[in-house]
Amino acid sequence: MAVTIHDYYRYKPSLDAAIVVAVLYTLAFAGTLLQFIRYRSWVWTVAVLASAMEAAGYIARCLSVKNVDNKNLYIINFTLIVLAPVLMAAACYIVFVCSPDFSGV
């Protein structure tokens, strides 16, 4: 696949890999959401949001692979996939800081 001026990927993205990862992250999000609701652990709100962002990012990636010249899909998938781990790290930080086992109290 030749790189054109409107092709935002500098390589040929794999649709198969995007689908596999999108399914796995969607299953992880569903499991996280069910546990979040079941145990009413509101401190994990940021982690659930990060899981949703990761799943949405890879779903947008699946769509973007078929439309490599669509700038909006590229921005959406890139932004969600990059920012989700930052939120997950923030969720872990919140849990460790708020937990009496780790706070030093």
N, C-alpha and C. Protein backbone atom coordinates (compact mmCIF):
# COMPACT_ATOMS: atom_id res chain seq x y z
N MET A 1 0.84 -1.17 0.00
CA MET A 1 0.00 0.00 0.00
C MET A 1 0.89 1.24 0.00
N ALA A 2 0.75 2.02 -1.00
CA ALA A 2 1.55 3.24 -1.12
C ALA A 2 1.00 4.31 -0.19
N VAL A 3 1.89 5.06 0.41
CA VAL A 3 1.49 6.13 1.31
C VAL A 3 1.09 7.33 0.46
N THR A 4 -0.13 7.80 0.66
CA THR A 4 -0.61 8.98 -0.05
C THR A 4 -0.57 10.17 0.90
N ILE A 5 -0.90 11.32 0.38
CA ILE A 5 -0.84 12.52 1.20
C ILE A 5 -1.91 12.51 2.29
N HIS A 6 -3.00 11.79 2.08
CA HIS A 6 -4.08 11.75 3.07
C HIS A 6 -4.05 10.48 3.92
N ASP A 7 -3.03 9.69 3.78
CA ASP A 7 -2.89 8.46 4.56
C ASP A 7 -2.16 8.79 5.86
N TYR A 8 -2.88 8.71 6.99
CA TYR A 8 -2.30 9.12 8.27
C TYR A 8 -1.41 8.04 8.89
N TYR A 9 -1.58 6.82 8.46
CA TYR A 9 -0.70 5.75 8.91
C TYR A 9 0.49 5.68 7.97
N ARG A 10 1.66 5.47 8.51
CA ARG A 10 2.85 5.35 7.67
C ARG A 10 3.18 3.88 7.42
N TYR A 11 2.18 3.04 7.62
CA TYR A 11 2.32 1.60 7.41
C TYR A 11 0.93 1.07 7.07
N LYS A 12 0.84 -0.22 6.75
CA LYS A 12 -0.46 -0.82 6.46
C LYS A 12 -1.02 -1.40 7.75
N PRO A 13 -2.02 -0.75 8.35
CA PRO A 13 -2.57 -1.26 9.61
C PRO A 13 -3.33 -2.56 9.40
N SER A 14 -3.26 -3.44 10.40
CA SER A 14 -3.90 -4.74 10.31
C SER A 14 -5.31 -4.70 10.89
N LEU A 15 -6.28 -5.02 10.09
CA LEU A 15 -7.67 -5.07 10.55
C LEU A 15 -7.86 -6.26 11.49
N ASP A 16 -7.24 -7.39 11.19
CA ASP A 16 -7.39 -8.58 12.03
C ASP A 16 -6.89 -8.33 13.45
N ALA A 17 -5.73 -7.72 13.57
CA ALA A 17 -5.19 -7.42 14.89
C ALA A 17 -6.07 -6.41 15.62
N ALA A 18 -6.58 -5.42 14.90
CA ALA A 18 -7.44 -4.41 15.52
C ALA A 18 -8.73 -5.05 16.05
N ILE A 19 -9.29 -5.99 15.30
CA ILE A 19 -10.52 -6.66 15.75
C ILE A 19 -10.25 -7.51 16.99
N VAL A 20 -9.16 -8.27 16.98
CA VAL A 20 -8.83 -9.12 18.13
C VAL A 20 -8.64 -8.27 19.39
N VAL A 21 -7.87 -7.20 19.26
CA VAL A 21 -7.60 -6.35 20.42
C VAL A 21 -8.88 -5.63 20.86
N ALA A 22 -9.71 -5.19 19.91
CA ALA A 22 -10.97 -4.53 20.26
C ALA A 22 -11.89 -5.48 21.03
N VAL A 23 -11.96 -6.72 20.60
CA VAL A 23 -12.80 -7.70 21.31
C VAL A 23 -12.26 -7.96 22.71
N LEU A 24 -10.95 -8.12 22.83
CA LEU A 24 -10.35 -8.38 24.15
C LEU A 24 -10.56 -7.21 25.10
N TYR A 25 -10.34 -5.99 24.63
CA TYR A 25 -10.54 -4.83 25.50
C TYR A 25 -12.02 -4.61 25.82
N THR A 26 -12.92 -4.93 24.90
CA THR A 26 -14.34 -4.81 25.19
C THR A 26 -14.76 -5.83 26.24
N LEU A 27 -14.24 -7.05 26.17
CA LEU A 27 -14.51 -8.05 27.20
C LEU A 27 -13.94 -7.61 28.55
N ALA A 28 -12.75 -7.05 28.54
CA ALA A 28 -12.16 -6.56 29.79
C ALA A 28 -12.98 -5.41 30.36
N PHE A 29 -13.48 -4.53 29.50
CA PHE A 29 -14.33 -3.44 29.96
C PHE A 29 -15.63 -3.97 30.55
N ALA A 30 -16.24 -4.95 29.88
CA ALA A 30 -17.50 -5.52 30.39
C ALA A 30 -17.29 -6.16 31.76
N GLY A 31 -16.20 -6.91 31.91
CA GLY A 31 -15.90 -7.52 33.21
C GLY A 31 -15.63 -6.48 34.28
N THR A 32 -14.90 -5.43 33.93
CA THR A 32 -14.61 -4.36 34.88
C THR A 32 -15.89 -3.64 35.29
N LEU A 33 -16.74 -3.38 34.33
CA LEU A 33 -18.00 -2.69 34.61
C LEU A 33 -18.91 -3.54 35.50
N LEU A 34 -18.99 -4.84 35.22
CA LEU A 34 -19.82 -5.72 36.05
C LEU A 34 -19.31 -5.77 37.49
N GLN A 35 -18.00 -5.89 37.66
CA GLN A 35 -17.43 -5.91 39.01
C GLN A 35 -17.62 -4.56 39.71
N PHE A 36 -17.51 -3.50 38.96
CA PHE A 36 -17.69 -2.15 39.49
C PHE A 36 -19.10 -1.97 40.03
N ILE A 37 -20.08 -2.44 39.27
CA ILE A 37 -21.48 -2.33 39.71
C ILE A 37 -21.78 -3.31 40.82
N ARG A 38 -21.29 -4.52 40.71
CA ARG A 38 -21.59 -5.56 41.70
C ARG A 38 -21.08 -5.19 43.09
N TYR A 39 -19.85 -4.71 43.17
CA TYR A 39 -19.26 -4.40 44.47
C TYR A 39 -19.38 -2.94 44.88
N ARG A 40 -19.98 -2.14 44.02
CA ARG A 40 -20.18 -0.72 44.30
C ARG A 40 -18.88 -0.05 44.78
N SER A 41 -17.83 -0.32 44.10
CA SER A 41 -16.52 0.23 44.46
C SER A 41 -16.27 1.48 43.63
N TRP A 42 -16.77 2.59 44.12
CA TRP A 42 -16.76 3.84 43.36
C TRP A 42 -15.37 4.42 43.19
N VAL A 43 -14.42 3.95 43.98
CA VAL A 43 -13.06 4.44 43.84
C VAL A 43 -12.46 4.01 42.49
N TRP A 44 -13.02 2.99 41.88
CA TRP A 44 -12.52 2.49 40.60
C TRP A 44 -13.21 3.14 39.40
N THR A 45 -13.91 4.25 39.60
CA THR A 45 -14.60 4.92 38.50
C THR A 45 -13.64 5.29 37.37
N VAL A 46 -12.48 5.77 37.74
CA VAL A 46 -11.49 6.18 36.72
C VAL A 46 -10.99 4.96 35.94
N ALA A 47 -10.85 3.83 36.61
CA ALA A 47 -10.39 2.61 35.92
C ALA A 47 -11.45 2.13 34.93
N VAL A 48 -12.71 2.23 35.31
CA VAL A 48 -13.79 1.83 34.39
C VAL A 48 -13.80 2.76 33.18
N LEU A 49 -13.63 4.05 33.43
CA LEU A 49 -13.56 5.01 32.33
C LEU A 49 -12.38 4.71 31.41
N ALA A 50 -11.24 4.37 31.99
CA ALA A 50 -10.05 4.04 31.18
C ALA A 50 -10.30 2.78 30.35
N SER A 51 -10.95 1.79 30.93
CA SER A 51 -11.28 0.56 30.18
C SER A 51 -12.21 0.87 29.02
N ALA A 52 -13.19 1.73 29.26
CA ALA A 52 -14.12 2.12 28.19
C ALA A 52 -13.39 2.87 27.09
N MET A 53 -12.47 3.75 27.48
CA MET A 53 -11.70 4.50 26.48
C MET A 53 -10.83 3.58 25.63
N GLU A 54 -10.23 2.60 26.27
CA GLU A 54 -9.37 1.65 25.53
C GLU A 54 -10.20 0.85 24.53
N ALA A 55 -11.35 0.35 24.97
CA ALA A 55 -12.23 -0.41 24.08
C ALA A 55 -12.72 0.47 22.93
N ALA A 56 -13.15 1.68 23.24
CA ALA A 56 -13.63 2.60 22.19
C ALA A 56 -12.50 2.97 21.23
N GLY A 57 -11.30 3.12 21.76
CA GLY A 57 -10.17 3.45 20.90
C GLY A 57 -9.87 2.36 19.89
N TYR A 58 -9.94 1.10 20.33
CA TYR A 58 -9.66 0.02 19.38
C TYR A 58 -10.84 -0.26 18.45
N ILE A 59 -12.05 0.05 18.88
CA ILE A 59 -13.18 -0.03 17.95
C ILE A 59 -13.04 1.04 16.88
N ALA A 60 -12.64 2.24 17.30
CA ALA A 60 -12.38 3.30 16.32
C ALA A 60 -11.22 2.92 15.41
N ARG A 61 -10.26 2.18 15.95
CA ARG A 61 -9.12 1.71 15.14
C ARG A 61 -9.61 0.77 14.04
N CYS A 62 -10.56 -0.11 14.38
CA CYS A 62 -11.13 -1.02 13.37
C CYS A 62 -11.77 -0.23 12.24
N LEU A 63 -12.49 0.82 12.60
CA LEU A 63 -13.12 1.66 11.58
C LEU A 63 -12.08 2.45 10.79
N SER A 64 -11.05 2.89 11.48
CA SER A 64 -10.02 3.70 10.85
C SER A 64 -9.18 2.90 9.85
N VAL A 65 -9.02 1.61 10.11
CA VAL A 65 -8.24 0.78 9.19
C VAL A 65 -8.89 0.74 7.81
N LYS A 66 -10.21 0.74 7.78
CA LYS A 66 -10.93 0.71 6.50
C LYS A 66 -11.00 2.09 5.85
N ASN A 67 -10.82 3.15 6.64
CA ASN A 67 -10.87 4.52 6.12
C ASN A 67 -9.59 5.24 6.52
N VAL A 68 -8.48 4.87 5.92
CA VAL A 68 -7.18 5.41 6.33
C VAL A 68 -7.03 6.90 6.03
N ASP A 69 -7.90 7.45 5.22
CA ASP A 69 -7.81 8.87 4.91
C ASP A 69 -8.72 9.73 5.78
N ASN A 70 -9.44 9.12 6.73
CA ASN A 70 -10.34 9.85 7.62
C ASN A 70 -9.56 10.35 8.84
N LYS A 71 -9.32 11.64 8.88
CA LYS A 71 -8.51 12.22 9.94
C LYS A 71 -9.20 12.13 11.30
N ASN A 72 -10.51 12.31 11.35
CA ASN A 72 -11.23 12.27 12.63
C ASN A 72 -11.15 10.90 13.30
N LEU A 73 -11.31 9.84 12.54
CA LEU A 73 -11.18 8.49 13.10
C LEU A 73 -9.77 8.23 13.59
N TYR A 74 -8.80 8.71 12.86
CA TYR A 74 -7.41 8.54 13.27
C TYR A 74 -7.13 9.27 14.59
N ILE A 75 -7.62 10.48 14.71
CA ILE A 75 -7.42 11.26 15.93
C ILE A 75 -8.13 10.61 17.11
N ILE A 76 -9.34 10.14 16.89
CA ILE A 76 -10.10 9.50 17.97
C ILE A 76 -9.39 8.24 18.46
N ASN A 77 -9.00 7.37 17.55
CA ASN A 77 -8.36 6.12 18.00
C ASN A 77 -7.01 6.40 18.63
N PHE A 78 -6.24 7.30 18.08
CA PHE A 78 -4.92 7.60 18.64
C PHE A 78 -5.05 8.22 20.03
N THR A 79 -5.96 9.16 20.19
CA THR A 79 -6.13 9.84 21.47
C THR A 79 -6.62 8.89 22.55
N LEU A 80 -7.63 8.08 22.24
CA LEU A 80 -8.18 7.17 23.25
C LEU A 80 -7.18 6.09 23.64
N ILE A 81 -6.47 5.55 22.67
CA ILE A 81 -5.51 4.48 22.96
C ILE A 81 -4.32 5.01 23.76
N VAL A 82 -3.91 6.24 23.52
CA VAL A 82 -2.77 6.80 24.24
C VAL A 82 -3.16 7.29 25.64
N LEU A 83 -4.34 7.89 25.79
CA LEU A 83 -4.72 8.47 27.08
C LEU A 83 -5.27 7.45 28.09
N ALA A 84 -5.80 6.34 27.62
CA ALA A 84 -6.38 5.35 28.53
C ALA A 84 -5.38 4.80 29.55
N PRO A 85 -4.17 4.43 29.17
CA PRO A 85 -3.22 3.95 30.18
C PRO A 85 -2.85 5.01 31.22
N VAL A 86 -2.87 6.27 30.84
CA VAL A 86 -2.60 7.34 31.79
C VAL A 86 -3.69 7.37 32.86
N LEU A 87 -4.93 7.23 32.45
CA LEU A 87 -6.03 7.19 33.41
C LEU A 87 -5.97 5.94 34.28
N MET A 88 -5.55 4.83 33.71
CA MET A 88 -5.44 3.60 34.50
C MET A 88 -4.36 3.76 35.57
N ALA A 89 -3.27 4.39 35.23
CA ALA A 89 -2.23 4.66 36.22
C ALA A 89 -2.75 5.61 37.30
N ALA A 90 -3.55 6.58 36.91
CA ALA A 90 -4.15 7.49 37.89
C ALA A 90 -5.10 6.75 38.82
N ALA A 91 -5.84 5.79 38.28
CA ALA A 91 -6.76 4.99 39.10
C ALA A 91 -5.98 4.18 40.13
N CYS A 92 -4.88 3.59 39.71
CA CYS A 92 -4.05 2.83 40.67
C CYS A 92 -3.48 3.75 41.73
N TYR A 93 -3.06 4.93 41.35
CA TYR A 93 -2.53 5.90 42.30
C TYR A 93 -3.60 6.28 43.32
N ILE A 94 -4.83 6.54 42.85
CA ILE A 94 -5.93 6.91 43.74
C ILE A 94 -6.21 5.80 44.73
N VAL A 95 -6.24 4.57 44.27
CA VAL A 95 -6.53 3.44 45.15
C VAL A 95 -5.42 3.27 46.19
N PHE A 96 -4.18 3.37 45.77
CA PHE A 96 -3.07 3.19 46.71
C PHE A 96 -3.00 4.32 47.74
N VAL A 97 -3.31 5.54 47.32
CA VAL A 97 -3.27 6.67 48.24
C VAL A 97 -4.44 6.62 49.22
N CYS A 98 -5.61 6.21 48.74
CA CYS A 98 -6.80 6.19 49.60
C CYS A 98 -6.89 4.95 50.48
N SER A 99 -6.11 3.94 50.18
CA SER A 99 -6.17 2.70 50.95
C SER A 99 -5.44 2.85 52.28
N PRO A 100 -6.07 2.42 53.38
CA PRO A 100 -5.39 2.54 54.68
C PRO A 100 -4.18 1.62 54.77
N ASP A 101 -4.12 0.56 53.99
CA ASP A 101 -2.97 -0.34 54.02
C ASP A 101 -1.70 0.29 53.47
N PHE A 102 -1.85 1.24 52.55
CA PHE A 102 -0.71 1.83 51.89
C PHE A 102 -0.45 3.27 52.31
N SER A 103 -1.34 3.87 53.08
CA SER A 103 -1.21 5.29 53.40
C SER A 103 -0.23 5.57 54.53
N GLY A 104 0.17 4.52 55.25
CA GLY A 104 1.10 4.72 56.34
C GLY A 104 0.42 5.12 57.65
N VAL A 105 -0.91 5.09 57.66
CA VAL A 105 -1.65 5.45 58.87
C VAL A 105 -1.83 4.25 59.76
